[in-house]
N, C-alpha and C. Protein backbone atom coordinates (compact mmCIF):
# COMPACT_ATOMS: atom_id res chain seq x y z
N UNK A 1 0.78 -1.23 0.05
CA UNK A 1 0.05 0.16 0.12
C UNK A 1 0.99 1.24 -0.06
N UNK A 2 1.87 1.39 0.68
CA UNK A 2 2.82 2.34 0.89
C UNK A 2 4.11 2.27 0.02
N UNK A 3 4.75 3.22 -0.43
CA UNK A 3 5.84 3.26 -1.29
C UNK A 3 6.82 3.78 -0.23
N UNK A 4 7.79 3.15 0.10
CA UNK A 4 8.92 3.72 1.21
C UNK A 4 10.00 4.52 0.22
N UNK A 5 10.27 5.41 0.82
CA UNK A 5 11.52 6.21 0.20
C UNK A 5 12.68 5.34 0.18
N UNK A 6 13.36 5.51 -0.99
CA UNK A 6 14.41 4.28 -0.98
C UNK A 6 15.49 5.47 -1.10
N UNK A 7 16.65 5.22 -0.13
CA UNK A 7 17.49 6.17 0.17
C UNK A 7 18.65 6.23 -1.09
N UNK A 8 18.72 4.98 -1.93
CA UNK A 8 19.54 5.19 -3.02
C UNK A 8 19.13 6.11 -4.07
N UNK A 9 17.61 6.37 -4.11
CA UNK A 9 17.16 7.33 -5.17
C UNK A 9 17.03 8.79 -4.83
N UNK A 10 17.05 9.57 -5.94
CA UNK A 10 16.97 11.10 -5.53
C UNK A 10 15.80 11.74 -5.08
N UNK A 11 14.65 10.71 -5.47
CA UNK A 11 13.28 11.19 -5.23
C UNK A 11 12.57 10.26 -5.21
N UNK A 12 11.10 10.48 -5.02
CA UNK A 12 9.87 9.76 -5.20
C UNK A 12 9.63 9.74 -6.49
N UNK A 13 8.86 8.61 -7.08
CA UNK A 13 8.50 8.80 -8.27
C UNK A 13 7.31 10.01 -8.42
N UNK A 14 7.22 10.70 -9.24
CA UNK A 14 6.12 11.74 -9.39
C UNK A 14 4.88 11.12 -9.74
N UNK A 15 3.66 11.43 -8.96
CA UNK A 15 2.55 11.03 -9.20
C UNK A 15 1.33 11.73 -8.52
N UNK A 16 0.62 12.60 -9.38
CA UNK A 16 -0.34 13.44 -8.97
C UNK A 16 -1.49 12.86 -7.99
N UNK A 17 -1.49 11.45 -8.09
CA UNK A 17 -2.57 10.65 -7.53
C UNK A 17 -1.88 10.22 -6.11
N UNK A 18 -0.94 10.70 -5.53
CA UNK A 18 -0.52 10.42 -4.41
C UNK A 18 -0.07 11.44 -3.38
N UNK A 19 0.33 11.27 -2.38
CA UNK A 19 0.86 12.58 -1.41
C UNK A 19 2.10 12.22 -0.54
N UNK A 20 2.74 12.92 -0.29
CA UNK A 20 3.81 12.60 0.47
C UNK A 20 3.64 12.94 2.04
N UNK A 21 3.78 11.99 2.85
CA UNK A 21 3.50 12.34 4.09
C UNK A 21 4.34 11.49 5.27
N UNK A 22 4.55 12.13 6.36
CA UNK A 22 5.24 11.61 7.48
C UNK A 22 4.34 10.78 8.15
N UNK A 23 4.45 9.25 8.21
CA UNK A 23 3.33 8.41 8.47
C UNK A 23 3.95 8.13 10.02
N UNK A 24 3.05 8.11 10.89
CA UNK A 24 3.34 7.99 12.40
C UNK A 24 3.57 6.31 12.55
N UNK A 25 4.58 5.93 13.36
CA UNK A 25 4.90 4.63 13.80
C UNK A 25 3.75 4.28 14.84
N UNK A 26 3.54 3.02 14.63
CA UNK A 26 2.45 2.65 15.73
C UNK A 26 2.74 2.84 17.13
N UNK A 27 3.79 2.88 17.58
CA UNK A 27 4.11 3.39 19.19
C UNK A 27 3.75 4.56 19.31
N UNK A 28 4.05 5.53 18.14
CA UNK A 28 3.54 7.25 18.50
C UNK A 28 2.17 7.26 18.33
N UNK A 29 1.47 6.62 17.51
CA UNK A 29 -0.07 6.49 17.33
C UNK A 29 -0.71 6.01 18.79
N UNK A 30 -0.25 4.93 19.40
CA UNK A 30 -0.87 4.41 20.55
C UNK A 30 -0.40 5.61 21.66
N UNK A 31 0.69 5.93 21.82
CA UNK A 31 0.82 7.09 22.84
C UNK A 31 0.13 8.20 22.66
N UNK A 32 -0.11 8.82 21.48
CA UNK A 32 -0.90 9.98 21.11
C UNK A 32 -2.44 9.71 21.69
N UNK A 33 -2.82 8.34 21.30
CA UNK A 33 -4.24 8.16 21.76
C UNK A 33 -4.41 7.84 23.16
N UNK A 34 -3.47 7.28 23.70
CA UNK A 34 -3.18 6.89 25.17
C UNK A 34 -3.34 8.44 25.71
N UNK A 35 -2.33 9.32 25.61
CA UNK A 35 -2.45 10.55 26.20
C UNK A 35 -3.55 11.50 26.10
N UNK A 36 -4.19 11.48 24.65
CA UNK A 36 -5.37 12.01 24.34
C UNK A 36 -6.43 11.37 23.80
N UNK A 37 -7.24 10.88 24.49
CA UNK A 37 -8.23 9.76 23.97
C UNK A 37 -9.14 10.88 22.84
N UNK A 38 -9.30 9.98 21.84
CA UNK A 38 -10.00 10.79 20.76
C UNK A 38 -11.33 11.04 21.35
N UNK A 39 -11.98 12.26 20.77
CA UNK A 39 -13.31 12.67 21.30
C UNK A 39 -14.26 12.39 20.20
N UNK A 40 -14.12 12.10 19.02
CA UNK A 40 -14.98 11.80 17.89
C UNK A 40 -14.96 10.41 17.42
N UNK A 41 -16.08 10.09 16.67
CA UNK A 41 -16.25 8.72 16.29
C UNK A 41 -15.16 8.13 15.55
N UNK A 42 -14.68 9.11 14.44
CA UNK A 42 -13.77 8.55 13.33
C UNK A 42 -12.35 8.85 13.72
N UNK A 43 -11.62 7.96 14.53
CA UNK A 43 -10.21 7.86 14.72
C UNK A 43 -9.17 7.88 13.63
N UNK A 44 -8.44 8.78 13.57
CA UNK A 44 -7.25 8.77 12.24
C UNK A 44 -5.79 8.60 12.98
N UNK A 45 -5.35 9.57 13.23
CA UNK A 45 -3.95 9.44 13.97
C UNK A 45 -3.03 8.84 13.22
N UNK A 46 -2.92 9.10 11.85
CA UNK A 46 -2.01 8.27 11.04
C UNK A 46 -0.92 9.13 10.31
N UNK A 47 -0.86 10.64 9.99
CA UNK A 47 0.26 11.12 9.25
C UNK A 47 0.17 12.64 9.41
N UNK A 48 1.41 13.13 8.82
CA UNK A 48 1.36 14.61 8.65
C UNK A 48 1.45 14.83 7.16
N UNK A 49 0.56 15.38 6.28
CA UNK A 49 0.66 15.63 5.01
C UNK A 49 2.01 16.40 4.68
N UNK A 50 2.68 16.24 4.11
CA UNK A 50 3.94 17.14 3.51
C UNK A 50 3.65 17.97 2.04
N UNK A 51 3.29 16.87 1.10
CA UNK A 51 2.91 17.47 -0.18
C UNK A 51 1.69 16.73 -0.70
N UNK A 52 0.79 17.35 -1.22
CA UNK A 52 -0.48 16.62 -1.69
C UNK A 52 -0.59 16.71 -3.28
N UNK A 53 -0.36 15.40 -4.13
CA UNK A 53 -0.22 15.42 -5.41
C UNK A 53 0.88 15.46 -5.73
N UNK A 54 1.81 14.29 -5.34
CA UNK A 54 3.29 14.73 -5.76
C UNK A 54 3.67 14.96 -7.21
N UNK A 55 4.18 16.11 -7.38
CA UNK A 55 4.50 16.61 -8.74
C UNK A 55 5.96 16.99 -8.52
N UNK A 56 6.72 17.27 -9.74
CA UNK A 56 8.04 17.76 -9.61
C UNK A 56 8.26 19.03 -8.88
N UNK A 57 7.21 19.82 -9.15
CA UNK A 57 7.30 21.16 -8.57
C UNK A 57 7.19 21.08 -7.08
N UNK A 58 6.08 20.33 -6.44
CA UNK A 58 5.81 20.45 -5.14
C UNK A 58 7.06 19.74 -4.37
N UNK A 59 7.56 18.63 -5.15
CA UNK A 59 8.57 17.72 -4.28
C UNK A 59 9.74 18.72 -4.09
N UNK A 60 10.15 19.52 -5.24
CA UNK A 60 11.41 20.37 -5.33
C UNK A 60 11.10 21.60 -3.87
N UNK A 61 9.93 21.78 -3.69
CA UNK A 61 9.86 22.78 -2.53
C UNK A 61 10.02 21.98 -1.21
N UNK A 62 9.62 20.71 -1.19
CA UNK A 62 9.66 20.05 0.15
C UNK A 62 11.00 19.33 0.36
N UNK A 63 11.59 19.32 -0.77
CA UNK A 63 13.20 18.25 -0.50
C UNK A 63 14.04 18.99 0.49
N UNK A 64 13.82 20.35 0.11
CA UNK A 64 14.99 20.98 1.18
C UNK A 64 14.58 20.92 2.54
N UNK A 65 13.05 21.40 2.77
CA UNK A 65 12.67 21.13 4.19
C UNK A 65 13.09 20.13 4.71
N UNK A 66 12.84 18.57 4.22
CA UNK A 66 12.98 17.33 4.59
C UNK A 66 14.55 16.81 4.47
N UNK A 67 15.18 17.54 3.65
CA UNK A 67 16.85 17.23 3.72
C UNK A 67 16.92 15.98 2.91
N UNK A 68 16.02 16.11 1.69
CA UNK A 68 15.87 14.49 1.04
C UNK A 68 17.12 14.77 -0.34
N UNK A 69 17.58 15.91 -0.43
CA UNK A 69 18.77 16.12 -1.37
C UNK A 69 20.20 15.54 -0.76
N UNK A 70 20.01 15.33 0.71
CA UNK A 70 21.19 14.93 1.19
C UNK A 70 21.49 13.47 1.09
N UNK A 71 22.85 13.03 1.02
CA UNK A 71 23.02 11.62 0.57
C UNK A 71 22.98 10.79 1.90
N UNK A 72 23.16 11.25 3.20
CA UNK A 72 22.99 10.74 4.39
C UNK A 72 21.65 11.11 4.88
N UNK A 73 20.30 10.89 4.12
CA UNK A 73 19.16 11.18 4.61
C UNK A 73 18.71 10.59 5.98
N UNK A 74 18.14 11.37 6.89
CA UNK A 74 17.51 11.11 8.05
C UNK A 74 16.09 11.63 8.15
N UNK A 75 15.32 10.65 8.97
CA UNK A 75 13.92 11.09 8.81
C UNK A 75 13.65 12.48 9.55
N UNK A 76 12.92 13.48 9.21
CA UNK A 76 12.63 14.73 9.79
C UNK A 76 12.42 14.67 11.15
N UNK A 77 12.56 15.64 11.74
CA UNK A 77 12.08 15.96 13.25
C UNK A 77 10.90 16.39 13.26
N UNK A 78 9.87 15.65 13.89
CA UNK A 78 8.50 16.05 13.77
C UNK A 78 8.16 16.19 15.26
N UNK A 79 7.48 17.45 15.93
CA UNK A 79 7.20 17.34 17.08
C UNK A 79 5.85 18.00 17.26
N UNK A 80 5.04 17.46 18.17
CA UNK A 80 3.69 18.21 18.34
C UNK A 80 3.39 18.88 19.57
N UNK A 81 2.90 19.98 19.78
CA UNK A 81 2.96 20.84 20.71
C UNK A 81 1.57 21.44 21.29
N UNK A 82 0.62 21.05 20.49
CA UNK A 82 -0.62 21.74 20.97
C UNK A 82 -1.86 20.66 20.35
N UNK A 83 -2.95 20.64 20.75
CA UNK A 83 -4.11 19.84 20.46
C UNK A 83 -5.32 20.93 20.39
N UNK A 84 -5.81 20.75 19.26
CA UNK A 84 -6.84 21.61 18.83
C UNK A 84 -8.24 21.11 18.59
N UNK A 85 -9.29 21.53 18.84
CA UNK A 85 -10.62 20.90 18.83
C UNK A 85 -11.78 21.95 18.54
N UNK A 86 -12.63 21.72 17.54
CA UNK A 86 -13.73 22.68 17.18
C UNK A 86 -14.55 21.88 16.26
N UNK A 87 -15.95 21.87 16.26
CA UNK A 87 -16.92 21.62 15.48
C UNK A 87 -16.70 20.37 14.76
N UNK A 88 -16.54 19.28 15.60
CA UNK A 88 -16.38 17.87 15.37
C UNK A 88 -15.10 17.59 14.68
N UNK A 89 -14.16 18.34 15.11
CA UNK A 89 -12.75 17.98 14.46
C UNK A 89 -11.77 18.03 15.59
N UNK A 90 -10.56 17.28 15.80
CA UNK A 90 -9.64 17.26 16.66
C UNK A 90 -8.30 16.93 15.92
N UNK A 91 -7.28 17.75 16.37
CA UNK A 91 -5.85 17.73 15.52
C UNK A 91 -4.76 18.17 16.37
N UNK A 92 -3.55 17.68 15.89
CA UNK A 92 -2.33 17.98 16.81
C UNK A 92 -1.83 19.14 16.05
N UNK A 93 -1.15 20.24 16.35
CA UNK A 93 -0.27 20.99 15.53
C UNK A 93 1.02 20.84 15.82
N UNK A 94 1.92 20.48 14.62
CA UNK A 94 3.11 19.87 14.65
C UNK A 94 3.95 21.15 13.75
N UNK A 95 5.33 20.83 14.19
CA UNK A 95 6.39 21.38 13.51
C UNK A 95 7.19 20.27 12.87
N UNK A 96 7.61 20.48 11.66
CA UNK A 96 8.50 19.70 10.85
C UNK A 96 9.75 20.25 10.71
N UNK A 97 11.04 19.79 11.17
CA UNK A 97 12.23 20.50 10.91
C UNK A 97 12.22 21.98 11.19
N UNK A 98 11.48 22.28 12.37
CA UNK A 98 11.27 23.69 12.79
C UNK A 98 10.19 24.41 12.07
N UNK A 99 9.78 23.99 10.77
CA UNK A 99 8.57 24.66 10.13
C UNK A 99 7.07 24.20 10.59
N UNK A 100 6.21 25.53 10.90
CA UNK A 100 4.91 25.12 11.36
C UNK A 100 4.12 25.17 10.14
N UNK A 101 4.35 25.98 8.90
CA UNK A 101 3.73 26.14 7.87
C UNK A 101 4.31 25.26 6.66
N UNK A 102 3.09 24.52 5.81
CA UNK A 102 3.47 23.88 4.59
C UNK A 102 3.93 24.62 3.55
N UNK A 103 4.92 24.48 2.96
CA UNK A 103 5.61 25.52 1.97
C UNK A 103 4.90 25.33 0.66
N UNK A 104 4.40 24.18 0.47
CA UNK A 104 3.61 23.87 -0.98
C UNK A 104 2.24 24.25 -0.94
N UNK A 105 1.46 23.53 -0.10
CA UNK A 105 -0.07 23.68 -0.02
C UNK A 105 -0.46 24.86 0.85
N UNK A 106 0.44 25.56 1.51
CA UNK A 106 -0.02 26.35 2.40
C UNK A 106 -0.78 25.82 3.62
N UNK A 107 -1.10 26.33 4.46
CA UNK A 107 -1.59 25.77 5.74
C UNK A 107 -0.63 25.26 6.60
N UNK A 108 -1.06 24.81 7.89
CA UNK A 108 -0.01 24.17 9.07
C UNK A 108 -0.13 22.82 8.92
N UNK A 109 1.13 22.29 9.26
CA UNK A 109 1.47 20.81 9.58
C UNK A 109 0.61 20.42 10.67
N UNK A 110 0.03 19.14 10.66
CA UNK A 110 -0.78 18.75 11.89
C UNK A 110 -1.17 17.25 11.46
N UNK A 111 -1.29 16.63 12.51
CA UNK A 111 -2.06 15.21 12.56
C UNK A 111 -3.61 15.40 12.84
N UNK A 112 -4.47 14.88 11.93
CA UNK A 112 -5.73 14.72 12.18
C UNK A 112 -6.02 13.62 13.03
N UNK A 113 -6.55 13.89 14.32
CA UNK A 113 -6.72 12.83 15.36
C UNK A 113 -7.95 12.09 15.42
N UNK A 114 -9.11 12.70 15.62
CA UNK A 114 -10.26 12.26 15.35
C UNK A 114 -11.34 13.44 14.76
N UNK A 115 -12.48 12.65 13.99
CA UNK A 115 -13.39 13.75 13.34
C UNK A 115 -14.64 13.01 13.63
N UNK A 116 -15.84 14.10 13.62
CA UNK A 116 -17.04 13.36 13.60
C UNK A 116 -17.42 12.94 12.33
N UNK A 117 -18.42 11.87 12.30
CA UNK A 117 -19.00 11.24 11.17
C UNK A 117 -19.43 12.04 9.87
N UNK A 118 -19.71 13.17 10.23
CA UNK A 118 -20.10 14.12 9.16
C UNK A 118 -18.97 15.08 8.44
N UNK A 119 -17.93 14.77 9.00
CA UNK A 119 -16.54 15.51 8.71
C UNK A 119 -15.74 14.76 7.82
N UNK A 120 -14.81 15.50 7.07
CA UNK A 120 -14.01 14.64 6.00
C UNK A 120 -12.59 14.92 6.59
N UNK A 121 -11.65 13.98 6.51
CA UNK A 121 -10.48 14.34 7.03
C UNK A 121 -9.63 15.76 6.85
N UNK A 122 -9.83 16.11 5.63
CA UNK A 122 -9.25 17.52 5.13
C UNK A 122 -9.86 18.51 5.98
N UNK A 123 -11.01 18.27 6.43
CA UNK A 123 -11.73 19.55 7.16
C UNK A 123 -10.86 19.99 8.16
N UNK A 124 -9.88 19.27 8.99
CA UNK A 124 -9.19 19.64 10.03
C UNK A 124 -8.33 20.57 9.74
N UNK A 125 -8.09 21.09 8.34
CA UNK A 125 -7.36 22.19 7.96
C UNK A 125 -8.08 23.37 8.33
N UNK A 126 -9.30 23.26 8.38
CA UNK A 126 -10.13 24.61 9.03
C UNK A 126 -9.71 25.09 10.43
N UNK A 127 -9.07 24.09 11.38
CA UNK A 127 -8.81 24.33 12.60
C UNK A 127 -7.68 25.49 12.74
N UNK A 128 -6.79 25.46 11.59
CA UNK A 128 -5.96 26.21 11.48
C UNK A 128 -5.81 27.57 10.64
N UNK A 129 -7.15 27.65 10.26
CA UNK A 129 -7.23 28.86 9.05
C UNK A 129 -7.34 30.18 9.97
N UNK A 130 -6.96 31.11 9.47
CA UNK A 130 -6.52 32.48 10.26
C UNK A 130 -7.91 33.45 10.44
N UNK A 131 -8.71 32.76 11.14
CA UNK A 131 -9.99 33.60 11.52
C UNK A 131 -10.30 33.24 12.96
N UNK A 132 -11.01 34.05 13.62
CA UNK A 132 -11.09 33.85 14.97
C UNK A 132 -12.53 33.06 15.27
N UNK A 133 -12.47 31.87 15.77
CA UNK A 133 -13.47 31.08 16.07
C UNK A 133 -13.50 30.90 17.65
N UNK A 134 -14.65 31.33 18.12
CA UNK A 134 -15.07 31.19 19.62
C UNK A 134 -14.87 30.02 20.29
N UNK A 135 -15.54 28.71 19.51
CA UNK A 135 -15.49 27.55 19.89
C UNK A 135 -14.21 26.83 19.93
N UNK A 136 -13.07 27.37 19.21
CA UNK A 136 -11.70 26.62 19.25
C UNK A 136 -11.14 26.30 20.57
N UNK A 137 -10.95 25.22 21.09
CA UNK A 137 -10.07 24.85 22.06
C UNK A 137 -8.75 24.59 21.87
N UNK A 138 -7.90 25.34 22.52
CA UNK A 138 -6.34 24.87 22.17
C UNK A 138 -5.68 24.32 23.78
N UNK A 139 -5.22 23.47 23.61
CA UNK A 139 -4.52 22.64 24.76
C UNK A 139 -3.08 22.39 24.41
N UNK A 140 -2.39 23.55 24.96
CA UNK A 140 -0.90 23.22 24.66
C UNK A 140 -0.39 21.96 25.63
N UNK A 141 0.54 21.36 25.05
CA UNK A 141 1.27 20.29 25.86
C UNK A 141 2.09 20.75 26.99
N UNK A 142 2.22 19.92 27.78
CA UNK A 142 3.32 20.31 29.12
C UNK A 142 4.75 20.44 28.63
N UNK A 143 4.90 19.59 27.44
CA UNK A 143 6.18 19.54 27.01
C UNK A 143 6.00 19.22 25.61
N UNK A 144 6.94 19.58 24.66
CA UNK A 144 6.65 18.95 23.41
C UNK A 144 6.92 17.56 23.10
N UNK A 145 6.17 16.78 22.10
CA UNK A 145 6.19 15.60 22.08
C UNK A 145 6.87 14.98 20.79
N UNK A 146 7.99 14.51 20.75
CA UNK A 146 8.52 13.88 19.47
C UNK A 146 7.71 13.02 18.74
N UNK A 147 7.35 13.12 17.54
CA UNK A 147 6.60 11.96 16.92
C UNK A 147 7.48 11.33 16.03
N UNK A 148 7.49 10.03 16.12
CA UNK A 148 8.31 8.86 15.29
C UNK A 148 7.52 8.30 14.22
N UNK A 149 8.12 8.38 13.01
CA UNK A 149 7.42 7.72 11.70
C UNK A 149 8.44 7.87 10.59
N UNK A 150 7.89 7.83 9.40
CA UNK A 150 8.78 7.56 8.28
C UNK A 150 7.93 8.47 7.13
N UNK A 151 8.96 8.99 6.24
CA UNK A 151 8.38 9.78 5.13
C UNK A 151 8.15 8.68 4.21
N UNK A 152 6.70 8.70 3.48
CA UNK A 152 6.23 7.80 2.76
C UNK A 152 5.23 8.36 1.61
N UNK A 153 5.25 7.74 0.23
CA UNK A 153 4.66 8.26 -0.64
C UNK A 153 3.36 7.30 -0.42
N UNK A 154 2.07 8.05 -0.39
CA UNK A 154 0.79 7.41 0.04
C UNK A 154 -0.39 7.59 -1.00
N UNK A 155 -0.99 6.48 -1.53
CA UNK A 155 -1.93 6.82 -2.33
C UNK A 155 -3.07 7.63 -1.88
N UNK A 156 -3.82 8.22 -2.72
CA UNK A 156 -4.85 9.31 -2.29
C UNK A 156 -6.19 8.26 -2.04
């Protein structure tokens, strides 16, 4: 199902029907769900989207952020520091190699944790929109949590 990054290759195969994601490992998923029990029916807690619709242009924009052009590639440093919840959506705000904003798609790096049945996973992007929402709950972590996983190319 997933195509792992091959360190011997310069890049992932370009395919607009895929996205590049930092897929969380099972231990990280379990820890997030234990520390923050999901509030809504559809529990996701799977990945951080890095680039949607993997093309040469958006790959070139994220490869520097991720250090993919380096011969001795290491997985990016991904840290969660806040849980947000509003209107049937719950997500974790994350930083990828020191960046909060996605260079390609815009918006914020995050992990969608859980959503109501009438929500779509992409709706969680609204939690990070630059508008005032009185229903938005922000819970800052006592300390930053490092998320473990692997950059993978994932089919849509």
